[in-house]
C-alpha atoms as a PDB file:
ATOM      1  CA  UNK A   1      43.173 -77.010 105.103  1.00  0.00           C
ATOM      2  CA  UNK A   2      43.652 -76.045 101.537  1.00  0.00           C
ATOM      3  CA  UNK A   3      46.582 -74.162 101.551  1.00  0.00           C
ATOM      4  CA  UNK A   4      49.596 -75.734 103.866  1.00  0.00           C
ATOM      5  CA  UNK A   5      51.338 -72.802 105.876  1.00  0.00           C
ATOM      6  CA  UNK A   6      54.444 -73.428 103.683  1.00  0.00           C
ATOM      7  CA  UNK A   7      52.537 -72.040 100.705  1.00  0.00           C
ATOM      8  CA  UNK A   8      51.228 -69.183 102.501  1.00  0.00           C
ATOM      9  CA  UNK A   9      54.583 -67.990 103.754  1.00  0.00           C
ATOM     10  CA  UNK A  10      55.335 -68.645 100.002  1.00  0.00           C
ATOM     11  CA  UNK A  11      53.096 -66.174  98.566  1.00  0.00           C
ATOM     12  CA  UNK A  12      54.376 -63.624 101.523  1.00  0.00           C
ATOM     13  CA  UNK A  13      58.078 -63.911 100.497  1.00  0.00           C
ATOM     14  CA  UNK A  14      57.121 -63.719  96.734  1.00  0.00           C
ATOM     15  CA  UNK A  15      57.682 -60.113  96.204  1.00  0.00           C
ATOM     16  CA  UNK A  16      60.941 -60.126  97.715  1.00  0.00           C
ATOM     17  CA  UNK A  17      62.108 -61.375  94.820  1.00  0.00           C
ATOM     18  CA  UNK A  18      61.240 -58.666  92.706  1.00  0.00           C
ATOM     19  CA  UNK A  19      61.131 -54.999  93.239  1.00  0.00           C
ATOM     20  CA  UNK A  20      58.897 -54.538  90.789  1.00  0.00           C
ATOM     21  CA  UNK A  21      56.044 -56.399  93.124  1.00  0.00           C
ATOM     22  CA  UNK A  22      53.064 -54.277  93.247  1.00  0.00           C
ATOM     23  CA  UNK A  23      53.448 -55.651  97.074  1.00  0.00           C
ATOM     24  CA  UNK A  24      56.503 -53.395  97.047  1.00  0.00           C
ATOM     25  CA  UNK A  25      56.171 -50.323  95.635  1.00  0.00           C
ATOM     26  CA  UNK A  26      51.907 -50.144  95.253  1.00  0.00           C
ATOM     27  CA  UNK A  27      49.586 -51.119  92.754  1.00  0.00           C
ATOM     28  CA  UNK A  28      50.287 -49.212  89.237  1.00  0.00           C
ATOM     29  CA  UNK A  29      47.857 -48.762  85.749  1.00  0.00           C
ATOM     30  CA  UNK A  30      50.834 -51.121  84.030  1.00  0.00           C
ATOM     31  CA  UNK A  31      50.385 -53.446  86.518  1.00  0.00           C
ATOM     32  CA  UNK A  32      46.314 -53.890  85.562  1.00  0.00           C
ATOM     33  CA  UNK A  33      47.451 -53.775  82.007  1.00  0.00           C
ATOM     34  CA  UNK A  34      49.858 -55.947  82.474  1.00  0.00           C
ATOM     35  CA  UNK A  35      47.500 -58.691  84.274  1.00  0.00           C
ATOM     36  CA  UNK A  36      45.061 -58.170  81.482  1.00  0.00           C
ATOM     37  CA  UNK A  37      47.393 -58.836  78.788  1.00  0.00           C
ATOM     38  CA  UNK A  38      48.607 -61.851  80.518  1.00  0.00           C
ATOM     39  CA  UNK A  39      45.336 -63.025  81.071  1.00  0.00           C
ATOM     40  CA  UNK A  40      44.494 -62.852  77.518  1.00  0.00           C
ATOM     41  CA  UNK A  41      47.507 -64.346  76.358  1.00  0.00           C
ATOM     42  CA  UNK A  42      46.793 -67.503  78.120  1.00  0.00           C
ATOM     43  CA  UNK A  43      42.944 -67.266  77.124  1.00  0.00           C
ATOM     44  CA  UNK A  44      44.611 -67.576  73.425  1.00  0.00           C
ATOM     45  CA  UNK A  45      47.236 -70.322  74.162  1.00  0.00           C
ATOM     46  CA  UNK A  46      44.925 -72.241  76.348  1.00  0.00           C
ATOM     47  CA  UNK A  47      41.646 -72.938  75.221  1.00  0.00           C
ATOM     48  CA  UNK A  48      40.137 -74.039  78.535  1.00  0.00           C
ATOM     49  CA  UNK A  49      40.664 -70.939  80.106  1.00  0.00           C
ATOM     50  CA  UNK A  50      38.572 -68.948  77.198  1.00  0.00           C
ATOM     51  CA  UNK A  51      36.001 -71.362  77.476  1.00  0.00           C
ATOM     52  CA  UNK A  52      36.299 -71.246  80.913  1.00  0.00           C
ATOM     53  CA  UNK A  53      33.440 -68.614  81.743  1.00  0.00           C
ATOM     54  CA  UNK A  54      31.106 -70.208  79.199  1.00  0.00           C
ATOM     55  CA  UNK A  55      31.564 -73.945  81.016  1.00  0.00           C
ATOM     56  CA  UNK A  56      30.612 -72.353  84.616  1.00  0.00           C
ATOM     57  CA  UNK A  57      27.497 -70.709  83.246  1.00  0.00           C
ATOM     58  CA  UNK A  58      26.512 -73.884  81.331  1.00  0.00           C
ATOM     59  CA  UNK A  59      27.276 -76.156  84.914  1.00  0.00           C
ATOM     60  CA  UNK A  60      25.676 -73.344  87.030  1.00  0.00           C
ATOM     61  CA  UNK A  61      22.476 -73.726  84.585  1.00  0.00           C
ATOM     62  CA  UNK A  62      22.366 -77.469  84.551  1.00  0.00           C
ATOM     63  CA  UNK A  63      23.115 -77.520  88.279  1.00  0.00           C
ATOM     64  CA  UNK A  64      20.006 -79.450  90.554  1.00  0.00           C
ATOM     65  CA  UNK A  65      19.684 -77.178  93.314  1.00  0.00           C
ATOM     66  CA  UNK A  66      20.807 -73.433  94.701  1.00  0.00           C
ATOM     67  CA  UNK A  67      23.843 -74.628  96.274  1.00  0.00           C
ATOM     68  CA  UNK A  68      25.514 -76.262  94.015  1.00  0.00           C
ATOM     69  CA  UNK A  69      24.836 -73.566  91.050  1.00  0.00           C
ATOM     70  CA  UNK A  70      26.708 -71.782  93.951  1.00  0.00           C
ATOM     71  CA  UNK A  71      29.421 -74.144  94.047  1.00  0.00           C
ATOM     72  CA  UNK A  72      30.059 -74.216  90.100  1.00  0.00           C
ATOM     73  CA  UNK A  73      29.964 -70.369  90.221  1.00  0.00           C
ATOM     74  CA  UNK A  74      32.463 -69.754  93.576  1.00  0.00           C
ATOM     75  CA  UNK A  75      34.652 -72.545  93.312  1.00  0.00           C
ATOM     76  CA  UNK A  76      36.247 -71.649  89.604  1.00  0.00           C
ATOM     77  CA  UNK A  77      36.481 -68.195  90.665  1.00  0.00           C
ATOM     78  CA  UNK A  78      38.023 -69.342  93.782  1.00  0.00           C
ATOM     79  CA  UNK A  79      41.050 -71.213  91.752  1.00  0.00           C
ATOM     80  CA  UNK A  80      41.821 -68.035  89.407  1.00  0.00           C
ATOM     81  CA  UNK A  81      41.944 -65.812  91.802  1.00  0.00           C
ATOM     82  CA  UNK A  82      44.360 -67.711  93.788  1.00  0.00           C
ATOM     83  CA  UNK A  83      46.760 -68.209  91.099  1.00  0.00           C
ATOM     84  CA  UNK A  84      46.194 -65.026  89.428  1.00  0.00           C
ATOM     85  CA  UNK A  85      46.928 -63.626  93.198  1.00  0.00           C
ATOM     86  CA  UNK A  86      50.842 -65.564  92.876  1.00  0.00           C
ATOM     87  CA  UNK A  87      50.827 -63.898  89.502  1.00  0.00           C
ATOM     88  CA  UNK A  88      50.537 -60.482  90.886  1.00  0.00           C
ATOM     89  CA  UNK A  89      52.520 -60.936  93.866  1.00  0.00           C
ATOM     90  CA  UNK A  90      55.471 -61.728  91.749  1.00  0.00           C
ATOM     91  CA  UNK A  91      54.702 -58.758  89.858  1.00  0.00           C
ATOM     92  CA  UNK A  92      55.945 -61.007  86.901  1.00  0.00           C
ATOM     93  CA  UNK A  93      53.477 -61.142  83.758  1.00  0.00           C
ATOM     94  CA  UNK A  94      54.583 -64.412  81.964  1.00  0.00           C
ATOM     95  CA  UNK A  95      52.483 -67.679  81.453  1.00  0.00           C
ATOM     96  CA  UNK A  96      54.802 -69.634  82.628  1.00  0.00           C
ATOM     97  CA  UNK A  97      53.779 -68.084  86.175  1.00  0.00           C
ATOM     98  CA  UNK A  98      50.559 -69.284  85.319  1.00  0.00           C
ATOM     99  CA  UNK A  99      51.395 -72.892  84.149  1.00  0.00           C
ATOM    100  CA  UNK A 100      53.848 -73.714  86.824  1.00  0.00           C
ATOM    101  CA  UNK A 101      51.520 -72.199  89.850  1.00  0.00           C
ATOM    102  CA  UNK A 102      48.447 -74.760  88.720  1.00  0.00           C
ATOM    103  CA  UNK A 103      50.692 -77.625  90.123  1.00  0.00           C
ATOM    104  CA  UNK A 104      51.972 -76.431  93.241  1.00  0.00           C
ATOM    105  CA  UNK A 105      48.851 -75.206  94.643  1.00  0.00           C
ATOM    106  CA  UNK A 106      46.699 -78.290  93.799  1.00  0.00           C
ATOM    107  CA  UNK A 107      49.696 -80.245  95.584  1.00  0.00           C
ATOM    108  CA  UNK A 108      52.629 -81.584  93.455  1.00  0.00           C
ATOM    109  CA  UNK A 109      53.546 -85.104  94.675  1.00  0.00           C
ATOM    110  CA  UNK A 110      57.080 -84.445  93.827  1.00  0.00           C
ATOM    111  CA  UNK A 111      59.432 -84.056  97.303  1.00  0.00           C
ATOM    112  CA  UNK A 112      60.623 -80.209  96.002  1.00  0.00           C
ATOM    113  CA  UNK A 113      57.109 -78.329  95.558  1.00  0.00           C
ATOM    114  CA  UNK A 114      58.498 -75.596  94.176  1.00  0.00           C
ATOM    115  CA  UNK A 115      57.983 -74.919  90.431  1.00  0.00           C
ATOM    116  CA  UNK A 116      61.520 -74.022  89.911  1.00  0.00           C
ATOM    117  CA  UNK A 117      64.042 -72.891  92.163  1.00  0.00           C
ATOM    118  CA  UNK A 118      63.521 -69.205  91.911  1.00  0.00           C
ATOM    119  CA  UNK A 119      64.506 -68.197  95.479  1.00  0.00           C
ATOM    120  CA  UNK A 120      68.193 -69.938  95.141  1.00  0.00           C
ATOM    121  CA  UNK A 121      68.056 -67.834  91.316  1.00  0.00           C
ATOM    122  CA  UNK A 122      67.047 -64.551  92.542  1.00  0.00           C
ATOM    123  CA  UNK A 123      69.511 -65.286  95.793  1.00  0.00           C
ATOM    124  CA  UNK A 124      72.176 -64.844  93.227  1.00  0.00           C
ATOM    125  CA  UNK A 125      71.923 -60.917  92.985  1.00  0.00           C
ATOM    126  CA  UNK A 126      69.722 -60.104  96.025  1.00  0.00           C
ATOM    127  CA  UNK A 127      71.412 -61.233  98.616  1.00  0.00           C
ATOM    128  CA  UNK A 128      68.297 -60.303 100.968  1.00  0.00           C
ATOM    129  CA  UNK A 129      66.735 -63.799  99.454  1.00  0.00           C
ATOM    130  CA  UNK A 130      69.230 -65.747 101.510  1.00  0.00           C
ATOM    131  CA  UNK A 131      67.601 -65.123 104.513  1.00  0.00           C
ATOM    132  CA  UNK A 132      64.353 -66.323 103.799  1.00  0.00           C
ATOM    133  CA  UNK A 133      62.846 -69.508 104.417  1.00  0.00           C
ATOM    134  CA  UNK A 134      61.954 -70.416 101.327  1.00  0.00           C
ATOM    135  CA  UNK A 135      65.505 -70.343 100.296  1.00  0.00           C
ATOM    136  CA  UNK A 136      66.318 -72.784 102.691  1.00  0.00           C
ATOM    137  CA  UNK A 137      63.817 -74.903 101.430  1.00  0.00           C
ATOM    138  CA  UNK A 138      64.807 -74.128  97.586  1.00  0.00           C
ATOM    139  CA  UNK A 139      68.148 -75.713  98.936  1.00  0.00           C
ATOM    140  CA  UNK A 140      66.693 -78.428 100.105  1.00  0.00           C
ATOM    141  CA  UNK A 141      65.604 -79.411  96.983  1.00  0.00           C
ATOM    142  CA  UNK A 142      68.823 -79.147  95.751  1.00  0.00           C
ATOM    143  CA  UNK A 143      70.136 -81.605  98.888  1.00  0.00           C
ATOM    144  CA  UNK A 144      67.834 -83.932  98.357  1.00  0.00           C
ATOM    145  CA  UNK A 145      68.975 -87.390  97.599  1.00  0.00           C
ATOM    146  CA  UNK A 146      66.791 -88.953  94.946  1.00  0.00           C
ATOM    147  CA  UNK A 147      67.591 -86.233  92.885  1.00  0.00           C
ATOM    148  CA  UNK A 148      69.709 -88.394  90.099  1.00  0.00           C
ATOM    149  CA  UNK A 149      70.342 -85.181  87.814  1.00  0.00           C
ATOM    150  CA  UNK A 150      70.597 -81.413  88.670  1.00  0.00           C
ATOM    151  CA  UNK A 151      68.858 -79.655  85.608  1.00  0.00           C
ATOM    152  CA  UNK A 152      70.266 -76.274  85.076  1.00  0.00           C
ATOM    153  CA  UNK A 153      69.677 -73.745  82.623  1.00  0.00           C
ATOM    154  CA  UNK A 154      72.544 -71.829  82.866  1.00  0.00           C
ATOM    155  CA  UNK A 155      71.395 -68.682  80.700  1.00  0.00           C
ATOM    156  CA  UNK A 156      68.715 -68.406  83.848  1.00  0.00           C
ATOM    157  CA  UNK A 157      70.485 -69.807  87.132  1.00  0.00           C
ATOM    158  CA  UNK A 158      74.291 -69.710  86.463  1.00  0.00           C
ATOM    159  CA  UNK A 159      75.953 -72.352  88.509  1.00  0.00           C
ATOM    160  CA  UNK A 160      79.274 -69.621  89.147  1.00  0.00           C
ATOM    161  CA  UNK A 161      77.304 -66.896  91.039  1.00  0.00           C
ATOM    162  CA  UNK A 162      75.863 -68.881  93.308  1.00  0.00           C
ATOM    163  CA  UNK A 163      76.850 -68.086  97.043  1.00  0.00           C
ATOM    164  CA  UNK A 164      80.322 -70.045  97.655  1.00  0.00           C
ATOM    165  CA  UNK A 165      78.885 -72.429 100.464  1.00  0.00           C
ATOM    166  CA  UNK A 166      75.913 -73.486  98.017  1.00  0.00           C
ATOM    167  CA  UNK A 167      78.141 -73.918  95.163  1.00  0.00           C
ATOM    168  CA  UNK A 168      80.198 -75.954  96.972  1.00  0.00           C
ATOM    169  CA  UNK A 169      77.225 -78.229  98.264  1.00  0.00           C
ATOM    170  CA  UNK A 170      76.537 -78.152  94.228  1.00  0.00           C
ATOM    171  CA  UNK A 171      79.718 -79.717  93.549  1.00  0.00           C
ATOM    172  CA  UNK A 172      80.168 -82.221  95.978  1.00  0.00           C
ATOM    173  CA  UNK A 173      76.975 -83.949  94.977  1.00  0.00           C
ATOM    174  CA  UNK A 174      76.773 -83.174  91.006  1.00  0.00           C
ATOM    175  CA  UNK A 175      79.585 -83.642  88.521  1.00  0.00           C
ATOM    176  CA  UNK A 176      78.961 -80.696  86.561  1.00  0.00           C
ATOM    177  CA  UNK A 177      82.146 -81.041  84.809  1.00  0.00           C
ATOM    178  CA  UNK A 178      80.401 -84.221  83.420  1.00  0.00           C
ATOM    179  CA  UNK A 179      77.424 -82.366  82.296  1.00  0.00           C
ATOM    180  CA  UNK A 180      75.183 -83.554  79.275  1.00  0.00           C
ATOM    181  CA  UNK A 181      74.037 -80.378  76.975  1.00  0.00           C
ATOM    182  CA  UNK A 182      70.422 -80.979  76.052  1.00  0.00           C
ATOM    183  CA  UNK A 183      69.484 -77.724  74.145  1.00  0.00           C
ATOM    184  CA  UNK A 184      69.137 -74.324  76.741  1.00  0.00           C
ATOM    185  CA  UNK A 185      69.579 -77.506  79.442  1.00  0.00           C
ATOM    186  CA  UNK A 186      72.560 -79.108  80.925  1.00  0.00           C
ATOM    187  CA  UNK A 187      72.170 -82.145  83.209  1.00  0.00           C
ATOM    188  CA  UNK A 188      75.184 -82.913  85.816  1.00  0.00           C
ATOM    189  CA  UNK A 189      74.721 -86.211  87.225  1.00  0.00           C
ATOM    190  CA  UNK A 190      74.892 -87.051  90.519  1.00  0.00           C
ATOM    191  CA  UNK A 191      78.462 -88.466  91.915  1.00  0.00           C
END
């Protein structure tokens, strides 16, 4: 199986994080324009993306046999579509989504397979997100015994806005009173 059941669920729950997701409000011309802009920006920032069509064309031309040619044509196209589908489902047209989702889809070996605690962050202001299975899995990342530090970007995830039970758990496990600032990030050591 290429994508595990939890990843399928996560893709389905992404639209709950953003009221502007095309799945929640319908597809609009502005979505197509935003997607095109994101793809063009990614091609400028990551030259390998810009070279992908040419690379695939060369590999198809050099491949021995029609099956190999078809594979070189379809597999990269499928990979790009999977990553773009996640961006479209979120309705968030930022390049970091593309960068973060690649290790996610290819089985990041870390305990927590989420690129960021997005469900916990959105649960601070969208109470319905707290009922999702992906929210509970995100909380599991905070509770994992291997984590030596909790690294937070306060402008993105305000610990004082967490649900009361989550904030209490974070306080029990991490000492944010002795936090180590690092630019926009804060590192709270494990108690």
